[in-house]
Amino acid sequence: MRLESRRRARGHQLRHRRPVVPVTSVRVCVAEPYRDCRAQIEELPERLEREGVTLHSGRNLIKRLGLAGPDGEPIEVVVKAFAVPARVRGFVYENLRRSKARRCMINARRLMELGIGTPEPVACIEHESYRCLRRSYYVCRYWPNDRDLTALLYHGVPPGADAPALLEALAQFTVAQHDRGVLHLDYNPGNILVRSEGDGFEFALVDLNRLRFRHLDIGDRARGLAPLTTQNDCLRIIGRRYAGLCDADPERFCARFEAAQRRFAARRRRMKKALAWLRR
């Protein structure tokens, strides 16, 4: 039994060990305000392995680290290390399509131009090996948040007496995105940061590699909201407030929202079953 336990533990460690990937070239794109920090930014992938506060560890690794800012003052940044893509996908990212890190940086700049909250972009780093992208890193300023949207929108745990006001503010933030032609294809609570600001709330979008910029009709808007919540009471508050802000009929829009959410949940269940079957 002890031997079997040790084997299982060893297998768990091996599955989560970050693979050593040979690098033949490195590209670093630094935002203008942080040009003087380039040398520090180039060291971040190495520092990431031994330093920093882990914010998320899974397929991708996200850590918070410190830098000396352009004026010498310390600043906190968040570094997201994307998973090493398979060889074919790595070839596509290197030769035919922008990497996820590059897309995050470009999309963050565009959101800021549109006046939509997002952590300030700092840099992206790409490691290439034999004409294939292997590792990529996105670096942005740390944006502290103090509210847990996941508990409220996925588990129905109220964060306090101001929960309805928070949901209505979230609807307003979402309308502002959609009115400006921004569609986040993975618009779930984990990709929305929120903090209290005076008597209201301030929001910021993260995980920006899956954004689309185009005119959105009412169907697009409902589908864009679909990943946001699994709780019917939250759905109704958000849907009614959203409809009121974009001059739509509240009942009809909530019905669209509910239908889109059911289709999204069914599609996610099918994907989980397919992945479970493939892993057998």
C-alpha atoms as a PDB file:
ATOM      1  CA  MET A   1       0.000   0.000   0.000  1.00  0.00           C
ATOM      2  CA  ARG A   2       2.819   2.407   0.837  1.00  0.00           C
ATOM      3  CA  LEU A   3       4.557   1.680  -2.457  1.00  0.00           C
ATOM      4  CA  GLU A   4       1.339   2.280  -4.383  1.00  0.00           C
ATOM      5  CA  SER A   5       0.747   5.564  -2.526  1.00  0.00           C
ATOM      6  CA  ARG A   6       4.258   6.714  -3.338  1.00  0.00           C
ATOM      7  CA  ARG A   7       3.725   5.855  -6.999  1.00  0.00           C
ATOM      8  CA  ARG A   8       0.477   7.828  -7.109  1.00  0.00           C
ATOM      9  CA  ALA A   9       2.123  10.816  -5.433  1.00  0.00           C
ATOM     10  CA  ARG A  10       5.057  10.620  -7.856  1.00  0.00           C
ATOM     11  CA  GLY A  11       2.647  10.493 -10.811  1.00  0.00           C
ATOM     12  CA  HIS A  12       0.810  13.554  -9.513  1.00  0.00           C
ATOM     13  CA  GLN A  13       4.099  15.483  -9.267  1.00  0.00           C
ATOM     14  CA  LEU A  14       5.136  14.489 -12.781  1.00  0.00           C
ATOM     15  CA  ARG A  15       1.827  15.557 -14.294  1.00  0.00           C
ATOM     16  CA  HIS A  16       2.132  19.024 -12.758  1.00  0.00           C
ATOM     17  CA  ARG A  17       5.839  19.546 -13.368  1.00  0.00           C
ATOM     18  CA  ARG A  18       6.467  22.304 -15.907  1.00  0.00           C
ATOM     19  CA  PRO A  19       8.322  20.632 -18.811  1.00  0.00           C
ATOM     20  CA  VAL A  20      11.760  21.807 -19.855  1.00  0.00           C
ATOM     21  CA  VAL A  21      11.419  23.318 -23.335  1.00  0.00           C
ATOM     22  CA  PRO A  22      14.453  24.215 -25.491  1.00  0.00           C
ATOM     23  CA  VAL A  23      14.439  27.848 -26.646  1.00  0.00           C
ATOM     24  CA  THR A  24      16.069  29.074 -29.841  1.00  0.00           C
ATOM     25  CA  SER A  25      14.845  32.698 -29.744  1.00  0.00           C
ATOM     26  CA  VAL A  26      13.015  35.067 -27.395  1.00  0.00           C
ATOM     27  CA  ARG A  27      10.775  37.993 -28.335  1.00  0.00           C
ATOM     28  CA  VAL A  28       9.876  40.649 -25.791  1.00  0.00           C
ATOM     29  CA  CYS A  29       7.308  43.384 -26.464  1.00  0.00           C
ATOM     30  CA  VAL A  30       7.250  46.069 -23.745  1.00  0.00           C
ATOM     31  CA  ALA A  31       4.632  48.807 -23.361  1.00  0.00           C
ATOM     32  CA  GLU A  32       6.024  52.326 -23.796  1.00  0.00           C
ATOM     33  CA  PRO A  33       5.771  53.424 -20.122  1.00  0.00           C
ATOM     34  CA  TYR A  34       7.882  50.419 -19.073  1.00  0.00           C
ATOM     35  CA  ARG A  35      10.738  50.576 -21.604  1.00  0.00           C
ATOM     36  CA  ASP A  36      13.232  51.267 -18.815  1.00  0.00           C
ATOM     37  CA  CYS A  37      12.162  48.022 -17.094  1.00  0.00           C
ATOM     38  CA  ARG A  38      13.011  45.806 -20.069  1.00  0.00           C
ATOM     39  CA  ALA A  39      15.940  44.052 -18.386  1.00  0.00           C
ATOM     40  CA  GLN A  40      13.776  43.155 -15.379  1.00  0.00           C
ATOM     41  CA  ILE A  41      10.936  42.002 -17.613  1.00  0.00           C
ATOM     42  CA  GLU A  42      13.240  39.670 -19.549  1.00  0.00           C
ATOM     43  CA  GLU A  43      14.114  37.963 -16.243  1.00  0.00           C
ATOM     44  CA  LEU A  44      10.487  37.310 -15.261  1.00  0.00           C
ATOM     45  CA  PRO A  45      10.145  33.797 -16.803  1.00  0.00           C
ATOM     46  CA  GLU A  46      13.128  32.614 -14.771  1.00  0.00           C
ATOM     47  CA  ARG A  47      11.931  34.333 -11.603  1.00  0.00           C
ATOM     48  CA  LEU A  48       8.486  32.837 -12.066  1.00  0.00           C
ATOM     49  CA  GLU A  49       9.827  29.350 -11.306  1.00  0.00           C
ATOM     50  CA  ARG A  50      11.138  30.266  -7.855  1.00  0.00           C
ATOM     51  CA  GLU A  51       9.443  33.507  -6.696  1.00  0.00           C
ATOM     52  CA  GLY A  52       6.127  35.243  -6.445  1.00  0.00           C
ATOM     53  CA  VAL A  53       2.688  34.757  -4.951  1.00  0.00           C
ATOM     54  CA  THR A  54       0.672  32.128  -6.812  1.00  0.00           C
ATOM     55  CA  LEU A  55      -2.764  33.377  -7.840  1.00  0.00           C
ATOM     56  CA  HIS A  56      -3.665  30.367  -9.978  1.00  0.00           C
ATOM     57  CA  SER A  57      -1.952  27.083 -10.764  1.00  0.00           C
ATOM     58  CA  GLY A  58      -3.404  24.750 -13.349  1.00  0.00           C
ATOM     59  CA  ARG A  59      -3.104  24.496 -17.107  1.00  0.00           C
ATOM     60  CA  ASN A  60      -1.764  28.056 -16.932  1.00  0.00           C
ATOM     61  CA  LEU A  61       0.292  29.535 -14.102  1.00  0.00           C
ATOM     62  CA  ILE A  62      -0.438  33.035 -12.738  1.00  0.00           C
ATOM     63  CA  LYS A  63       1.813  34.730 -10.190  1.00  0.00           C
ATOM     64  CA  ARG A  64       2.232  38.158  -8.632  1.00  0.00           C
ATOM     65  CA  LEU A  65       5.762  39.555  -8.520  1.00  0.00           C
ATOM     66  CA  GLY A  66       7.493  42.849  -7.842  1.00  0.00           C
ATOM     67  CA  LEU A  67       9.436  45.139 -10.177  1.00  0.00           C
ATOM     68  CA  ALA A  68      11.224  48.446  -9.785  1.00  0.00           C
ATOM     69  CA  GLY A  69       9.051  50.834 -11.783  1.00  0.00           C
ATOM     70  CA  PRO A  70      10.252  53.395 -14.347  1.00  0.00           C
ATOM     71  CA  ASP A  71      10.563  56.027 -11.605  1.00  0.00           C
ATOM     72  CA  GLY A  72      12.297  53.616  -9.220  1.00  0.00           C
ATOM     73  CA  GLU A  73       9.178  53.026  -7.134  1.00  0.00           C
ATOM     74  CA  PRO A  74       8.256  49.355  -6.575  1.00  0.00           C
ATOM     75  CA  ILE A  75       5.279  48.103  -8.558  1.00  0.00           C
ATOM     76  CA  GLU A  76       3.433  44.801  -8.495  1.00  0.00           C
ATOM     77  CA  VAL A  77       2.802  42.917 -11.702  1.00  0.00           C
ATOM     78  CA  VAL A  78       0.932  39.745 -12.585  1.00  0.00           C
ATOM     79  CA  VAL A  79       2.606  37.261 -14.918  1.00  0.00           C
ATOM     80  CA  LYS A  80       0.503  34.674 -16.721  1.00  0.00           C
ATOM     81  CA  ALA A  81       2.491  31.766 -18.136  1.00  0.00           C
ATOM     82  CA  PHE A  82       0.443  29.971 -20.770  1.00  0.00           C
ATOM     83  CA  ALA A  83       0.626  26.206 -21.149  1.00  0.00           C
ATOM     84  CA  VAL A  84       3.065  24.861 -23.726  1.00  0.00           C
ATOM     85  CA  PRO A  85       0.983  24.270 -26.876  1.00  0.00           C
ATOM     86  CA  ALA A  86       1.105  21.019 -28.825  1.00  0.00           C
ATOM     87  CA  ARG A  87       3.573  21.053 -31.720  1.00  0.00           C
ATOM     88  CA  VAL A  88       0.971  21.743 -34.433  1.00  0.00           C
ATOM     89  CA  ARG A  89      -0.680  24.525 -32.457  1.00  0.00           C
ATOM     90  CA  GLY A  90       2.748  25.933 -31.607  1.00  0.00           C
ATOM     91  CA  PHE A  91       3.525  26.113 -35.328  1.00  0.00           C
ATOM     92  CA  VAL A  92       0.236  27.935 -35.947  1.00  0.00           C
ATOM     93  CA  TYR A  93       0.908  30.470 -33.176  1.00  0.00           C
ATOM     94  CA  GLU A  94       4.418  31.095 -34.460  1.00  0.00           C
ATOM     95  CA  ASN A  95       3.631  31.415 -38.148  1.00  0.00           C
ATOM     96  CA  LEU A  96      -0.085  31.945 -38.789  1.00  0.00           C
ATOM     97  CA  ARG A  97      -1.705  33.474 -35.721  1.00  0.00           C
ATOM     98  CA  ARG A  98      -0.763  35.696 -32.785  1.00  0.00           C
ATOM     99  CA  SER A  99       0.037  33.953 -29.502  1.00  0.00           C
ATOM    100  CA  LYS A 100      -2.380  34.186 -26.581  1.00  0.00           C
ATOM    101  CA  ALA A 101       0.034  36.477 -24.738  1.00  0.00           C
ATOM    102  CA  ARG A 102       0.318  38.811 -27.729  1.00  0.00           C
ATOM    103  CA  ARG A 103      -3.465  38.898 -28.141  1.00  0.00           C
ATOM    104  CA  CYS A 104      -3.886  39.724 -24.440  1.00  0.00           C
ATOM    105  CA  MET A 105      -1.571  42.715 -24.769  1.00  0.00           C
ATOM    106  CA  ILE A 106      -3.176  44.024 -27.962  1.00  0.00           C
ATOM    107  CA  ASN A 107      -6.694  43.571 -26.582  1.00  0.00           C
ATOM    108  CA  ALA A 108      -5.802  45.247 -23.271  1.00  0.00           C
ATOM    109  CA  ARG A 109      -4.607  48.322 -25.149  1.00  0.00           C
ATOM    110  CA  ARG A 110      -7.811  48.408 -27.153  1.00  0.00           C
ATOM    111  CA  LEU A 111      -9.997  48.073 -24.045  1.00  0.00           C
ATOM    112  CA  MET A 112      -8.173  50.982 -22.440  1.00  0.00           C
ATOM    113  CA  GLU A 113      -8.747  53.081 -25.569  1.00  0.00           C
ATOM    114  CA  LEU A 114     -12.457  52.229 -25.345  1.00  0.00           C
ATOM    115  CA  GLY A 115     -12.612  53.192 -21.669  1.00  0.00           C
ATOM    116  CA  ILE A 116     -13.273  49.647 -20.399  1.00  0.00           C
ATOM    117  CA  GLY A 117     -11.528  48.584 -17.207  1.00  0.00           C
ATOM    118  CA  THR A 118      -8.637  46.139 -17.463  1.00  0.00           C
ATOM    119  CA  PRO A 119      -5.246  45.843 -15.714  1.00  0.00           C
ATOM    120  CA  GLU A 120      -2.646  48.001 -17.475  1.00  0.00           C
ATOM    121  CA  PRO A 121      -0.563  45.918 -19.937  1.00  0.00           C
ATOM    122  CA  VAL A 122       3.192  45.844 -19.307  1.00  0.00           C
ATOM    123  CA  ALA A 123       4.727  43.292 -21.691  1.00  0.00           C
ATOM    124  CA  CYS A 124       4.465  39.977 -23.457  1.00  0.00           C
ATOM    125  CA  ILE A 125       7.269  37.439 -23.824  1.00  0.00           C
ATOM    126  CA  GLU A 126       7.402  34.654 -26.430  1.00  0.00           C
ATOM    127  CA  HIS A 127       9.821  31.737 -26.565  1.00  0.00           C
ATOM    128  CA  GLU A 128      10.253  30.092 -29.950  1.00  0.00           C
ATOM    129  CA  SER A 129      11.846  26.726 -30.649  1.00  0.00           C
ATOM    130  CA  TYR A 130      12.464  25.439 -34.185  1.00  0.00           C
ATOM    131  CA  ARG A 131       9.758  27.657 -35.768  1.00  0.00           C
ATOM    132  CA  CYS A 132       7.178  26.705 -33.126  1.00  0.00           C
ATOM    133  CA  LEU A 133       5.949  28.834 -30.231  1.00  0.00           C
ATOM    134  CA  ARG A 134       6.690  27.007 -27.001  1.00  0.00           C
ATOM    135  CA  ARG A 135       6.161  29.374 -24.078  1.00  0.00           C
ATOM    136  CA  SER A 136       4.414  32.718 -23.861  1.00  0.00           C
ATOM    137  CA  TYR A 137       3.922  35.098 -20.946  1.00  0.00           C
ATOM    138  CA  TYR A 138       1.629  38.066 -20.476  1.00  0.00           C
ATOM    139  CA  VAL A 139       2.593  40.725 -17.923  1.00  0.00           C
ATOM    140  CA  CYS A 140       0.222  43.382 -16.563  1.00  0.00           C
ATOM    141  CA  ARG A 141      -0.091  45.594 -13.513  1.00  0.00           C
ATOM    142  CA  TYR A 142      -1.595  43.978 -10.434  1.00  0.00           C
ATOM    143  CA  TRP A 143      -5.240  45.046 -10.012  1.00  0.00           C
ATOM    144  CA  PRO A 144      -6.352  44.313  -6.410  1.00  0.00           C
ATOM    145  CA  ASN A 145      -9.930  43.136  -6.062  1.00  0.00           C
ATOM    146  CA  ASP A 146     -11.922  42.622  -2.869  1.00  0.00           C
ATOM    147  CA  ARG A 147     -15.121  40.862  -3.963  1.00  0.00           C
ATOM    148  CA  ASP A 148     -15.793  37.249  -4.945  1.00  0.00           C
ATOM    149  CA  LEU A 149     -18.084  37.125  -7.959  1.00  0.00           C
ATOM    150  CA  THR A 150     -17.682  33.358  -8.382  1.00  0.00           C
ATOM    151  CA  ALA A 151     -19.288  32.608  -5.013  1.00  0.00           C
ATOM    152  CA  LEU A 152     -22.260  34.789  -5.875  1.00  0.00           C
ATOM    153  CA  LEU A 153     -22.810  33.951  -9.552  1.00  0.00           C
ATOM    154  CA  TYR A 154     -21.960  30.225  -9.514  1.00  0.00           C
ATOM    155  CA  HIS A 155     -22.810  29.120  -5.982  1.00  0.00           C
ATOM    156  CA  GLY A 156     -25.480  31.592  -4.899  1.00  0.00           C
ATOM    157  CA  VAL A 157     -23.520  32.736  -1.835  1.00  0.00           C
ATOM    158  CA  PRO A 158     -24.446  36.388  -1.207  1.00  0.00           C
ATOM    159  CA  PRO A 159     -21.395  38.582  -0.529  1.00  0.00           C
ATOM    160  CA  GLY A 160     -23.502  40.918   1.620  1.00  0.00           C
ATOM    161  CA  ALA A 161     -26.583  43.095   1.679  1.00  0.00           C
ATOM    162  CA  ASP A 162     -25.307  44.972  -1.383  1.00  0.00           C
ATOM    163  CA  ALA A 163     -25.515  41.904  -3.645  1.00  0.00           C
ATOM    164  CA  PRO A 164     -28.377  43.300  -5.799  1.00  0.00           C
ATOM    165  CA  ALA A 165     -26.485  46.580  -6.257  1.00  0.00           C
ATOM    166  CA  LEU A 166     -23.357  44.636  -7.225  1.00  0.00           C
ATOM    167  CA  LEU A 167     -25.279  42.611  -9.829  1.00  0.00           C
ATOM    168  CA  GLU A 168     -26.869  45.734 -11.298  1.00  0.00           C
ATOM    169  CA  ALA A 169     -23.440  47.403 -11.498  1.00  0.00           C
ATOM    170  CA  LEU A 170     -22.123  44.305 -13.264  1.00  0.00           C
ATOM    171  CA  ALA A 171     -24.987  44.539 -15.776  1.00  0.00           C
ATOM    172  CA  GLN A 172     -24.057  48.169 -16.414  1.00  0.00           C
ATOM    173  CA  PHE A 173     -20.385  47.237 -16.931  1.00  0.00           C
ATOM    174  CA  THR A 174     -21.442  44.539 -19.397  1.00  0.00           C
ATOM    175  CA  VAL A 175     -23.708  46.881 -21.337  1.00  0.00           C
ATOM    176  CA  ALA A 176     -20.809  49.337 -21.658  1.00  0.00           C
ATOM    177  CA  GLN A 177     -18.689  46.583 -23.226  1.00  0.00           C
ATOM    178  CA  HIS A 178     -21.379  45.438 -25.634  1.00  0.00           C
ATOM    179  CA  ASP A 179     -22.302  48.984 -26.655  1.00  0.00           C
ATOM    180  CA  ARG A 180     -18.652  49.526 -27.606  1.00  0.00           C
ATOM    181  CA  GLY A 181     -18.621  46.299 -29.646  1.00  0.00           C
ATOM    182  CA  VAL A 182     -16.624  44.165 -27.184  1.00  0.00           C
ATOM    183  CA  LEU A 183     -17.618  40.499 -26.838  1.00  0.00           C
ATOM    184  CA  HIS A 184     -15.731  38.370 -24.302  1.00  0.00           C
ATOM    185  CA  LEU A 185     -16.171  34.748 -25.393  1.00  0.00           C
ATOM    186  CA  ASP A 186     -15.380  33.414 -21.902  1.00  0.00           C
ATOM    187  CA  TYR A 187     -17.314  35.912 -19.811  1.00  0.00           C
ATOM    188  CA  ASN A 188     -17.341  34.031 -16.519  1.00  0.00           C
ATOM    189  CA  PRO A 189     -16.898  35.394 -12.957  1.00  0.00           C
ATOM    190  CA  GLY A 190     -13.259  34.297 -12.828  1.00  0.00           C
ATOM    191  CA  ASN A 191     -12.449  36.677 -15.679  1.00  0.00           C
ATOM    192  CA  ILE A 192     -14.046  39.733 -14.044  1.00  0.00           C
ATOM    193  CA  LEU A 193     -12.291  41.551 -11.209  1.00  0.00           C
ATOM    194  CA  VAL A 194     -14.320  43.812  -8.929  1.00  0.00           C
ATOM    195  CA  ARG A 195     -13.607  46.046  -5.969  1.00  0.00           C
ATOM    196  CA  SER A 196     -15.592  48.499  -3.899  1.00  0.00           C
ATOM    197  CA  GLU A 197     -15.089  52.105  -4.929  1.00  0.00           C
ATOM    198  CA  GLY A 198     -16.823  54.670  -2.711  1.00  0.00           C
ATOM    199  CA  ASP A 199     -20.530  53.892  -2.840  1.00  0.00           C
ATOM    200  CA  GLY A 200     -20.193  51.804  -6.005  1.00  0.00           C
ATOM    201  CA  PHE A 201     -18.009  49.211  -7.677  1.00  0.00           C
ATOM    202  CA  GLU A 202     -15.162  49.171 -10.171  1.00  0.00           C
ATOM    203  CA  PHE A 203     -14.697  46.296 -12.630  1.00  0.00           C
ATOM    204  CA  ALA A 204     -11.850  45.042 -14.793  1.00  0.00           C
ATOM    205  CA  LEU A 205     -11.689  42.356 -17.496  1.00  0.00           C
ATOM    206  CA  VAL A 206      -8.918  39.755 -17.572  1.00  0.00           C
ATOM    207  CA  ASP A 207      -8.063  36.700 -19.707  1.00  0.00           C
ATOM    208  CA  LEU A 208      -8.269  38.798 -22.857  1.00  0.00           C
ATOM    209  CA  ASN A 209      -7.080  36.438 -25.573  1.00  0.00           C
ATOM    210  CA  ARG A 210     -10.681  35.519 -26.482  1.00  0.00           C
ATOM    211  CA  LEU A 211     -12.201  38.900 -27.313  1.00  0.00           C
ATOM    212  CA  ARG A 212     -14.114  39.860 -30.438  1.00  0.00           C
ATOM    213  CA  PHE A 213     -14.702  43.433 -31.597  1.00  0.00           C
ATOM    214  CA  ARG A 214     -17.817  43.924 -33.737  1.00  0.00           C
ATOM    215  CA  HIS A 215     -21.369  45.192 -33.681  1.00  0.00           C
ATOM    216  CA  LEU A 216     -23.548  43.054 -31.387  1.00  0.00           C
ATOM    217  CA  ASP A 217     -27.232  42.382 -31.950  1.00  0.00           C
ATOM    218  CA  ILE A 218     -29.580  41.357 -29.141  1.00  0.00           C
ATOM    219  CA  GLY A 219     -28.881  37.656 -29.705  1.00  0.00           C
ATOM    220  CA  ASP A 220     -25.120  38.210 -29.495  1.00  0.00           C
ATOM    221  CA  ARG A 221     -25.613  40.100 -26.247  1.00  0.00           C
ATOM    222  CA  ALA A 222     -27.649  37.308 -24.643  1.00  0.00           C
ATOM    223  CA  ARG A 223     -25.128  34.673 -25.760  1.00  0.00           C
ATOM    224  CA  GLY A 224     -22.289  36.809 -24.410  1.00  0.00           C
ATOM    225  CA  LEU A 225     -23.930  36.770 -20.975  1.00  0.00           C
ATOM    226  CA  ALA A 226     -24.496  32.998 -20.990  1.00  0.00           C
ATOM    227  CA  PRO A 227     -21.302  31.928 -19.122  1.00  0.00           C
ATOM    228  CA  LEU A 228     -21.840  34.545 -16.431  1.00  0.00           C
ATOM    229  CA  THR A 229     -24.082  32.763 -13.919  1.00  0.00           C
ATOM    230  CA  THR A 230     -25.765  29.484 -13.042  1.00  0.00           C
ATOM    231  CA  GLN A 231     -28.132  31.068 -10.497  1.00  0.00           C
ATOM    232  CA  ASN A 232     -31.627  31.975 -11.702  1.00  0.00           C
ATOM    233  CA  ASP A 233     -32.103  34.806  -9.200  1.00  0.00           C
ATOM    234  CA  CYS A 234     -28.819  36.421 -10.278  1.00  0.00           C
ATOM    235  CA  LEU A 235     -29.761  35.909 -13.922  1.00  0.00           C
ATOM    236  CA  ARG A 236     -33.057  37.736 -13.465  1.00  0.00           C
ATOM    237  CA  ILE A 237     -31.478  40.734 -11.691  1.00  0.00           C
ATOM    238  CA  ILE A 238     -28.726  41.083 -14.289  1.00  0.00           C
ATOM    239  CA  GLY A 239     -31.086  40.450 -17.217  1.00  0.00           C
ATOM    240  CA  ARG A 240     -33.665  43.011 -16.116  1.00  0.00           C
ATOM    241  CA  ARG A 241     -31.075  45.697 -15.430  1.00  0.00           C
ATOM    242  CA  TYR A 242     -29.280  44.967 -18.715  1.00  0.00           C
ATOM    243  CA  ALA A 243     -32.547  45.177 -20.665  1.00  0.00           C
ATOM    244  CA  GLY A 244     -33.458  48.475 -19.045  1.00  0.00           C
ATOM    245  CA  LEU A 245     -30.110  49.988 -19.997  1.00  0.00           C
ATOM    246  CA  CYS A 246     -30.322  48.953 -23.667  1.00  0.00           C
ATOM    247  CA  ASP A 247     -34.044  49.678 -24.145  1.00  0.00           C
ATOM    248  CA  ALA A 248     -35.040  46.018 -24.547  1.00  0.00           C
ATOM    249  CA  ASP A 249     -38.143  44.311 -23.172  1.00  0.00           C
ATOM    250  CA  PRO A 250     -37.049  42.855 -19.769  1.00  0.00           C
ATOM    251  CA  GLU A 251     -39.123  39.662 -19.969  1.00  0.00           C
ATOM    252  CA  ARG A 252     -38.142  38.843 -23.541  1.00  0.00           C
ATOM    253  CA  PHE A 253     -34.478  39.575 -22.866  1.00  0.00           C
ATOM    254  CA  CYS A 254     -34.435  37.452 -19.693  1.00  0.00           C
ATOM    255  CA  ALA A 255     -36.013  34.605 -21.690  1.00  0.00           C
ATOM    256  CA  ARG A 256     -33.236  34.919 -24.300  1.00  0.00           C
ATOM    257  CA  PHE A 257     -30.624  35.040 -21.557  1.00  0.00           C
ATOM    258  CA  GLU A 258     -32.044  31.909 -19.855  1.00  0.00           C
ATOM    259  CA  ALA A 259     -32.188  29.990 -23.145  1.00  0.00           C
ATOM    260  CA  ALA A 260     -28.605  30.969 -24.003  1.00  0.00           C
ATOM    261  CA  GLN A 261     -27.457  29.938 -20.510  1.00  0.00           C
ATOM    262  CA  ARG A 262     -29.132  26.517 -20.838  1.00  0.00           C
ATOM    263  CA  ARG A 263     -27.493  25.915 -24.230  1.00  0.00           C
ATOM    264  CA  PHE A 264     -24.121  26.970 -22.838  1.00  0.00           C
ATOM    265  CA  ALA A 265     -24.466  24.644 -19.825  1.00  0.00           C
ATOM    266  CA  ALA A 266     -25.500  21.718 -22.043  1.00  0.00           C
ATOM    267  CA  ARG A 267     -22.558  22.309 -24.385  1.00  0.00           C
ATOM    268  CA  ARG A 268     -20.166  22.427 -21.423  1.00  0.00           C
ATOM    269  CA  ARG A 269     -21.542  19.128 -20.063  1.00  0.00           C
ATOM    270  CA  ARG A 270     -21.027  17.483 -23.463  1.00  0.00           C
ATOM    271  CA  MET A 271     -17.455  18.771 -23.634  1.00  0.00           C
ATOM    272  CA  LYS A 272     -16.672  17.444 -20.143  1.00  0.00           C
ATOM    273  CA  LYS A 273     -18.044  14.018 -21.062  1.00  0.00           C
ATOM    274  CA  ALA A 274     -16.025  13.963 -24.280  1.00  0.00           C
ATOM    275  CA  LEU A 275     -12.820  14.934 -22.458  1.00  0.00           C
ATOM    276  CA  ALA A 276     -13.452  12.325 -19.760  1.00  0.00           C
ATOM    277  CA  TRP A 277     -13.908   9.691 -22.453  1.00  0.00           C
ATOM    278  CA  LEU A 278     -10.688  10.733 -24.243  1.00  0.00           C
ATOM    279  CA  ARG A 279      -8.708  10.519 -20.993  1.00  0.00           C
ATOM    280  CA  ARG A 280      -9.653   6.893 -20.349  1.00  0.00           C
END
